Protein backbone atom coordinates (compact mmCIF):
# COMPACT_ATOMS: atom_id res chain seq x y z
CA MET A 1 -24.22 14.84 -19.85
CA VAL A 2 -25.11 16.46 -16.53
CA LYS A 3 -25.43 13.06 -14.83
CA VAL A 4 -21.89 12.10 -15.80
CA SER A 5 -20.58 15.33 -14.33
CA ILE A 6 -22.42 14.74 -11.05
CA VAL A 7 -21.13 11.17 -10.83
CA LYS A 8 -17.58 12.34 -11.59
CA LYS A 9 -17.76 15.04 -8.91
CA ALA A 10 -19.19 12.56 -6.40
CA MET A 11 -16.37 10.13 -7.17
CA ASP A 12 -13.82 12.94 -6.75
CA VAL A 13 -15.27 13.84 -3.34
CA ILE A 14 -15.34 10.22 -2.17
CA LEU A 15 -11.73 9.60 -3.23
CA TYR A 16 -10.65 12.92 -1.71
CA ILE A 17 -12.17 11.92 1.65
CA LEU A 18 -10.62 8.44 1.34
CA SER A 19 -7.22 9.99 0.64
CA ILE A 20 -7.48 12.21 3.71
CA LEU A 21 -8.45 9.22 5.86
CA ILE A 22 -5.57 7.12 4.55
CA LEU A 23 -3.16 10.01 5.18
CA LEU A 24 -4.50 10.39 8.72
CA VAL A 25 -4.01 6.67 9.36
CA ILE A 26 -0.45 6.90 8.00
CA VAL A 27 0.34 9.80 10.35
CA LEU A 28 -1.17 7.94 13.34
CA TYR A 29 0.81 4.81 12.42
CA LEU A 30 3.95 6.90 12.22
CA PHE A 31 3.39 8.32 15.72
CA ARG A 32 2.67 4.82 17.04
CA LEU A 33 5.86 3.54 15.41
CA ILE A 34 7.89 6.35 16.99
CA PHE A 35 6.53 5.45 20.44
CA ASP A 36 7.25 1.77 19.81
CA LEU A 37 10.81 2.56 18.79
CA LYS A 38 11.20 4.71 21.91
CA ASP A 39 10.22 1.67 24.01
CA ILE A 40 12.72 -0.50 22.15
CA VAL A 41 15.53 1.98 22.74
CA MET A 42 14.65 2.43 26.42
CA GLN A 43 14.72 -1.29 27.20
CA PHE A 44 17.90 -2.20 25.39
CA PRO A 45 18.44 -5.01 24.44
CA PRO A 46 14.89 -5.23 23.12
CA THR A 47 12.77 -8.29 23.62
CA SER A 48 11.74 -10.32 20.61
CA LYS A 49 8.13 -9.26 21.18
CA THR A 50 8.89 -5.54 20.92
CA MET A 51 11.17 -6.06 17.94
CA SER A 52 8.62 -8.14 16.05
CA ARG A 53 5.91 -5.56 16.75
CA ALA A 54 8.14 -2.79 15.41
CA VAL A 55 8.90 -4.80 12.27
CA GLU A 56 5.19 -5.42 11.69
CA GLU A 57 4.37 -1.74 12.18
CA VAL A 58 7.02 -0.63 9.67
CA LEU A 59 5.73 -3.12 7.11
CA ASN A 60 2.12 -2.01 7.74
CA LEU A 61 3.23 1.57 7.13
CA PHE A 62 4.68 0.59 3.75
CA VAL A 63 1.37 -1.04 2.73
CA LEU A 64 -0.58 2.07 3.77
CA ILE A 65 1.77 4.30 1.78
CA GLU A 66 1.19 2.18 -1.33
CA PHE A 67 -2.59 2.44 -0.87
CA PHE A 68 -2.24 6.21 -0.52
CA ARG A 69 -0.21 6.37 -3.75
CA GLY A 70 -2.97 4.41 -5.50
CA ALA A 71 -5.68 6.77 -4.28
CA MET A 72 -3.65 9.83 -5.26
CA SER A 73 -3.08 8.44 -8.76
CA TYR A 74 -6.76 9.01 -9.46
CA PHE A 75 -6.29 12.75 -9.15
CA ASP A 76 -3.22 12.73 -11.40
CA PHE A 77 -4.55 10.47 -14.16
CA ASP A 78 -8.35 10.73 -13.77
CA ARG A 79 -8.49 6.96 -13.27
CA ILE A 80 -7.28 4.35 -10.84
CA LYS A 81 -4.02 2.97 -12.21
CA LEU A 82 -3.82 -0.78 -11.98
CA SER A 83 -0.06 -0.56 -11.60
CA TYR A 84 -0.44 1.21 -8.24
CA ILE A 85 -2.94 -1.39 -7.07
CA THR A 86 -0.60 -4.23 -8.04
CA ASP A 87 2.30 -2.44 -6.31
CA ALA A 88 0.22 -2.33 -3.12
CA ALA A 89 -0.62 -6.02 -3.51
CA ILE A 90 3.05 -6.91 -4.00
CA VAL A 91 4.02 -4.96 -0.89
CA PHE A 92 1.21 -6.64 1.07
CA VAL A 93 2.22 -10.16 0.03
CA LEU A 94 5.88 -9.40 0.73
CA ARG A 95 4.82 -8.11 4.15
CA GLU A 96 3.05 -11.40 4.86
CA VAL A 97 6.05 -13.44 3.70
CA MET A 98 8.44 -11.38 5.80
CA ILE A 99 6.29 -11.65 8.93
CA SER A 100 5.80 -15.41 8.44
CA THR A 101 9.53 -15.83 7.97
CA PHE A 102 10.31 -13.62 10.96
CA TYR A 103 8.07 -15.75 13.23
CA HIS A 104 9.34 -19.02 11.66
CA ARG A 105 5.79 -19.96 10.59
CA LEU A 106 6.44 -20.29 6.86
CA ASP A 107 5.95 -23.93 5.93
CA PHE A 108 6.46 -25.41 2.48
CA LYS A 109 2.79 -25.24 1.39
CA MET A 110 2.47 -21.59 2.38
CA ALA A 111 5.76 -20.75 0.65
CA ILE A 112 4.43 -22.31 -2.57
CA ALA A 113 1.11 -20.48 -2.17
CA TYR A 114 2.84 -17.13 -1.60
CA SER A 115 5.08 -17.81 -4.60
CA VAL A 116 2.12 -18.50 -6.88
CA VAL A 117 0.30 -15.36 -5.67
CA MET A 118 3.43 -13.25 -6.04
CA LEU A 119 4.13 -14.60 -9.52
CA SER A 120 0.53 -13.87 -10.57
CA ILE A 121 0.74 -10.30 -9.29
CA ILE A 122 4.10 -9.75 -10.97
CA VAL A 123 2.69 -11.02 -14.28
CA LEU A 124 -0.26 -8.65 -13.85
CA ARG A 125 2.10 -5.78 -13.03
CA THR A 126 4.18 -6.53 -16.14
CA LEU A 127 1.03 -6.57 -18.27
CA THR A 128 0.01 -3.17 -16.88
CA ILE A 129 3.34 -1.80 -18.08
CA ILE A 130 3.10 -3.39 -21.54
CA TYR A 131 -0.58 -2.63 -22.20
CA THR A 132 -1.03 0.82 -20.69
CA PRO A 133 -3.85 3.10 -21.92
CA ASP A 134 -3.06 6.04 -24.19
CA LYS A 135 -3.74 8.50 -21.40
CA GLU A 136 -0.37 8.00 -19.70
CA LYS A 137 0.72 11.54 -18.89
CA PRO A 138 -0.70 13.20 -15.79
CA LYS A 139 -3.24 15.91 -16.47
CA LYS A 140 -2.06 19.49 -16.12
CA PHE A 141 -3.58 21.54 -13.33
CA LYS A 142 -4.93 24.91 -14.35
CA ASN A 143 -3.80 27.86 -12.26
């Protein structure tokens, strides 16, 4: 019984450190995005290069936020929720589709491949909603 407690505490520490690192990366990305937007505003009208970089940075920020939500779900539910992981995957694939479309690099084969991947992830996400474990409510923190 003691070994399980040590492993659980080690996992908590590792995920806590990971959460702090992800949050730090999100804050740094946000500062970088603010400086990029400042450059876009200063050189109005913006070039396509600066606009595309800003779009990519905003989409990257969304992916990082989804990963952070997934890491934080462990502390709320005492497990990694598959629904948060699939949400992050959906956001990531949508990011790739949007960037490929923005740069006009989305050919027919890649569009089909992205569609198959997206459909698979959506089916997985739907299954996580239908077949959720009994432990659905977040645990209560003791004061």
